[in-house]
N, C-alpha and C. Protein backbone atom coordinates (compact mmCIF):
# COMPACT_ATOMS: atom_id res chain seq x y z
N MET A 1 -8.35 -12.03 26.64
CA MET A 1 -8.03 -12.67 25.39
C MET A 1 -7.84 -14.23 25.20
N GLU A 2 -8.58 -15.03 24.45
CA GLU A 2 -7.78 -16.58 24.54
C GLU A 2 -7.24 -16.27 23.33
N GLU A 3 -6.50 -18.01 23.04
CA GLU A 3 -5.84 -18.08 21.50
C GLU A 3 -7.34 -18.44 21.11
N ARG A 4 -7.36 -18.53 19.38
CA ARG A 4 -8.43 -18.94 18.75
C ARG A 4 -7.87 -20.02 19.02
N THR A 5 -9.02 -20.80 19.08
CA THR A 5 -9.54 -22.19 19.14
C THR A 5 -9.52 -23.35 17.56
N THR A 6 -8.95 -24.63 17.45
CA THR A 6 -9.53 -24.97 15.94
C THR A 6 -10.53 -24.76 15.57
N ASP A 7 -11.63 -24.85 16.08
CA ASP A 7 -12.87 -24.81 15.08
C ASP A 7 -12.85 -24.04 15.20
N GLU A 8 -12.62 -22.19 15.88
CA GLU A 8 -12.11 -20.63 15.71
C GLU A 8 -11.62 -20.62 14.02
N ILE A 9 -9.98 -21.19 14.09
CA ILE A 9 -9.48 -21.01 12.76
C ILE A 9 -10.41 -21.98 12.06
N ALA A 10 -10.88 -23.05 12.43
CA ALA A 10 -11.49 -23.84 10.83
C ALA A 10 -12.63 -22.89 10.39
N ALA A 11 -12.94 -22.36 11.15
CA ALA A 11 -14.58 -21.87 10.42
C ALA A 11 -13.76 -20.10 9.87
N ILE A 12 -13.19 -19.45 10.39
CA ILE A 12 -12.50 -18.41 9.32
C ILE A 12 -11.96 -19.03 8.21
N PHE A 13 -11.03 -20.03 8.00
CA PHE A 13 -10.87 -20.51 6.63
C PHE A 13 -11.87 -20.65 5.65
N THR A 14 -12.94 -21.18 6.88
CA THR A 14 -14.33 -21.36 5.23
C THR A 14 -15.03 -20.16 4.85
N ALA A 15 -14.65 -18.64 5.90
CA ALA A 15 -15.54 -17.99 5.88
C ALA A 15 -14.53 -17.01 4.82
N ALA A 16 -13.14 -17.31 4.59
CA ALA A 16 -12.90 -16.95 3.41
C ALA A 16 -12.96 -17.17 2.55
N GLY A 17 -13.42 -18.89 2.25
CA GLY A 17 -13.82 -19.54 1.33
C GLY A 17 -14.72 -18.92 0.19
N ASP A 18 -15.76 -19.08 1.40
CA ASP A 18 -17.03 -17.27 0.76
C ASP A 18 -16.29 -16.76 0.02
N SER A 19 -14.98 -15.65 0.59
CA SER A 19 -15.03 -14.42 -0.01
C SER A 19 -13.76 -15.47 -1.72
N VAL A 20 -13.43 -15.94 -1.78
CA VAL A 20 -13.08 -16.72 -2.58
C VAL A 20 -13.67 -16.70 -3.89
N THR A 21 -15.11 -17.11 -3.10
CA THR A 21 -16.71 -17.78 -4.02
C THR A 21 -16.61 -16.31 -4.50
N GLU A 22 -17.05 -15.91 -4.02
CA GLU A 22 -17.37 -13.81 -4.42
C GLU A 22 -16.99 -13.28 -4.93
N ILE A 23 -15.45 -13.22 -4.92
CA ILE A 23 -14.52 -12.54 -6.13
C ILE A 23 -14.44 -13.45 -7.47
N GLY A 24 -15.22 -14.61 -7.17
CA GLY A 24 -15.51 -15.38 -9.40
C GLY A 24 -16.66 -15.54 -9.41
N VAL A 25 -17.16 -14.82 -8.60
CA VAL A 25 -18.50 -14.40 -9.72
C VAL A 25 -18.69 -13.39 -10.43
N ALA A 26 -19.06 -13.48 -11.52
CA ALA A 26 -19.08 -12.36 -12.57
C ALA A 26 -19.80 -11.12 -11.98
N LYS A 27 -20.11 -9.81 -12.66
CA LYS A 27 -21.01 -9.04 -12.97
C LYS A 27 -22.51 -9.16 -12.60
N LYS A 28 -22.83 -9.31 -11.65
CA LYS A 28 -24.86 -9.18 -11.49
C LYS A 28 -25.07 -8.65 -12.18
N GLU A 29 -26.17 -9.05 -13.19
CA GLU A 29 -26.88 -8.11 -13.88
C GLU A 29 -27.75 -6.52 -13.56
N TRP A 30 -27.51 -6.65 -11.99
CA TRP A 30 -28.04 -5.53 -11.17
C TRP A 30 -27.24 -4.61 -10.78
N GLU A 31 -26.10 -5.14 -10.76
CA GLU A 31 -24.62 -4.10 -10.06
C GLU A 31 -24.22 -2.68 -11.72
N THR A 32 -23.62 -2.26 -10.82
CA THR A 32 -22.98 -1.43 -11.63
C THR A 32 -22.01 -1.46 -12.20
N ASP A 33 -21.08 -0.91 -12.47
CA ASP A 33 -19.56 -1.35 -12.67
C ASP A 33 -18.65 -0.85 -11.62
N ALA A 34 -18.95 0.09 -10.87
CA ALA A 34 -18.61 0.71 -9.21
C ALA A 34 -19.18 -0.40 -8.43
N GLU A 35 -20.71 -0.54 -8.07
CA GLU A 35 -20.48 -1.84 -7.31
C GLU A 35 -19.75 -3.52 -7.19
N TRP A 36 -20.00 -3.66 -8.09
CA TRP A 36 -18.71 -4.56 -8.59
C TRP A 36 -17.93 -4.98 -8.20
N LYS A 37 -17.18 -3.59 -8.98
CA LYS A 37 -15.06 -3.19 -8.23
C LYS A 37 -15.41 -3.29 -6.76
N ASP A 38 -16.57 -2.98 -6.06
CA ASP A 38 -16.12 -2.59 -4.54
C ASP A 38 -16.36 -4.06 -4.05
N ARG A 39 -17.94 -4.95 -4.26
CA ARG A 39 -17.66 -5.46 -3.62
C ARG A 39 -16.51 -6.76 -4.02
N VAL A 40 -15.78 -6.39 -5.07
CA VAL A 40 -14.67 -7.39 -5.48
C VAL A 40 -13.75 -6.82 -4.24
N LYS A 41 -13.37 -5.55 -4.17
CA LYS A 41 -12.32 -5.06 -3.57
C LYS A 41 -12.32 -5.68 -2.20
N ARG A 42 -14.10 -5.29 -0.90
CA ARG A 42 -13.86 -6.10 -0.04
C ARG A 42 -14.00 -7.24 0.61
N ASN A 43 -13.84 -8.31 -0.97
CA ASN A 43 -13.93 -8.96 -0.50
C ASN A 43 -12.17 -10.04 -0.92
N VAL A 44 -11.59 -9.72 -1.72
CA VAL A 44 -9.83 -9.24 -1.58
C VAL A 44 -9.62 -9.10 -0.25
N GLU A 45 -9.80 -7.67 0.60
CA GLU A 45 -9.07 -7.04 1.72
C GLU A 45 -9.84 -8.00 2.89
N HIS A 46 -11.29 -8.86 2.45
CA HIS A 46 -11.14 -9.40 3.53
C HIS A 46 -10.08 -10.66 4.01
N LEU A 47 -9.82 -10.69 2.99
CA LEU A 47 -9.10 -12.24 2.76
C LEU A 47 -7.42 -11.32 3.75
N GLU A 48 -7.02 -10.39 2.05
CA GLU A 48 -5.64 -10.32 2.60
C GLU A 48 -5.66 -9.67 4.61
N VAL A 49 -6.69 -9.25 5.34
CA VAL A 49 -6.74 -9.69 6.75
C VAL A 49 -6.40 -10.86 7.69
N ILE A 50 -7.97 -11.91 6.42
CA ILE A 50 -7.78 -13.69 7.22
C ILE A 50 -5.94 -13.05 6.94
N LYS A 51 -5.77 -13.79 6.07
CA LYS A 51 -4.26 -14.39 6.04
C LYS A 51 -3.16 -13.64 6.90
N ALA A 52 -3.56 -12.47 7.17
CA ALA A 52 -3.06 -11.71 8.11
C ALA A 52 -2.33 -12.29 10.43
N TYR A 53 -3.81 -12.90 9.87
CA TYR A 53 -4.61 -12.98 11.57
C TYR A 53 -2.83 -13.43 12.15
N LYS A 54 -2.72 -13.92 13.15
CA LYS A 54 -2.07 -13.76 14.33
C LYS A 54 -2.20 -13.97 16.12
N LYS A 55 -1.91 -15.13 16.36
CA LYS A 55 -1.95 -15.18 17.55
C LYS A 55 -1.53 -14.61 18.53
N LEU A 56 -1.85 -14.47 19.85
CA LEU A 56 -2.16 -13.28 20.90
C LEU A 56 0.06 -12.30 21.03
N ASP A 57 0.51 -13.13 20.74
CA ASP A 57 1.95 -12.67 20.71
C ASP A 57 2.32 -11.70 19.36
N GLU A 58 1.29 -11.69 18.41
CA GLU A 58 1.70 -10.38 17.82
C GLU A 58 1.86 -10.93 16.61
N THR A 59 2.93 -11.97 16.49
CA THR A 59 4.14 -12.47 15.64
C THR A 59 3.62 -13.89 14.91
N THR A 60 3.54 -14.43 15.61
CA THR A 60 3.81 -16.18 14.79
C THR A 60 1.98 -16.11 14.34
N SER A 61 1.39 -16.70 13.24
CA SER A 61 0.69 -16.37 12.29
C SER A 61 -0.36 -18.38 12.58
N ILE A 62 -1.64 -17.60 12.88
CA ILE A 62 -2.43 -18.07 13.30
C ILE A 62 -2.43 -19.30 12.53
N TRP A 63 -1.86 -19.79 11.09
CA TRP A 63 -2.10 -20.64 10.08
C TRP A 63 -1.04 -21.44 10.06
N THR A 64 -1.50 -23.01 10.44
CA THR A 64 -0.84 -24.00 9.77
C THR A 64 -0.46 -24.64 8.47
N SER A 65 -1.39 -25.79 8.63
CA SER A 65 -1.11 -26.77 7.23
C SER A 65 -1.71 -26.03 6.15
N GLU A 66 -3.21 -24.36 6.56
CA GLU A 66 -3.47 -24.92 5.69
C GLU A 66 -2.85 -24.19 3.77
N SER A 67 -4.25 -24.31 2.92
CA SER A 67 -3.90 -23.60 1.63
C SER A 67 -4.12 -22.61 1.29
N PHE A 68 -3.47 -21.53 0.90
CA PHE A 68 -3.73 -20.62 0.69
C PHE A 68 -3.49 -20.44 -0.96
N THR A 69 -3.18 -20.96 -1.31
CA THR A 69 -3.34 -21.10 -3.18
C THR A 69 -4.94 -20.63 -4.08
N ALA A 70 -5.35 -20.97 -3.37
CA ALA A 70 -7.39 -19.96 -4.36
C ALA A 70 -7.35 -18.83 -3.07
N ILE A 71 -6.49 -18.97 -1.83
CA ILE A 71 -7.41 -17.47 -1.44
C ILE A 71 -5.75 -16.80 -2.87
N ASP A 72 -4.44 -17.03 -2.65
CA ASP A 72 -3.56 -15.81 -3.32
C ASP A 72 -4.03 -15.51 -4.37
N ALA A 73 -4.73 -16.63 -5.28
CA ALA A 73 -5.56 -16.66 -6.68
C ALA A 73 -6.12 -15.45 -6.90
N ALA A 74 -7.69 -15.48 -6.14
CA ALA A 74 -8.39 -14.70 -5.70
C ALA A 74 -8.41 -12.75 -5.88
N VAL A 75 -7.41 -13.47 -4.89
CA VAL A 75 -6.88 -11.64 -4.28
C VAL A 75 -5.84 -11.58 -5.22
N VAL A 76 -5.14 -12.15 -6.34
CA VAL A 76 -4.58 -11.36 -7.29
C VAL A 76 -5.96 -10.86 -8.80
N ALA A 77 -6.11 -11.67 -8.75
CA ALA A 77 -7.62 -12.09 -9.90
C ALA A 77 -8.40 -10.49 -9.36
N GLY A 78 -8.98 -10.34 -8.30
CA GLY A 78 -10.26 -9.76 -7.41
C GLY A 78 -9.12 -8.25 -7.99
N LYS A 79 -7.50 -7.97 -7.76
CA LYS A 79 -7.29 -6.60 -7.65
C LYS A 79 -6.93 -5.76 -8.88
N LYS A 80 -6.84 -7.13 -10.47
CA LYS A 80 -6.72 -7.64 -11.61
C LYS A 80 -8.67 -6.33 -12.33
N ILE A 81 -9.46 -6.38 -11.33
CA ILE A 81 -10.35 -6.52 -11.43
C ILE A 81 -11.08 -4.74 -11.11
N TYR A 82 -9.90 -4.34 -10.35
CA TYR A 82 -10.63 -3.10 -9.55
C TYR A 82 -9.39 -1.90 -9.03
N GLU A 83 -8.32 -2.32 -10.01
CA GLU A 83 -6.95 -1.69 -9.77
C GLU A 83 -6.95 -1.05 -11.40
């Protein structure tokens, strides 16, 4: 296994943005409360996993100068929905 490339890291960060968006989407009219909370929880967990990604040394974060402000806010908001 090799270290993630800059392009791979950028793609992961973009995917995190998709989860931020999903957390911010209101309950869809066809969703039950349980389905909505489950959708939000899955996206919060996805963000927490992504944020914890490490290099092969299992100590150093893959993240460098990325801003996690929106991700952190989405995690907090999402947890208020399902906790």
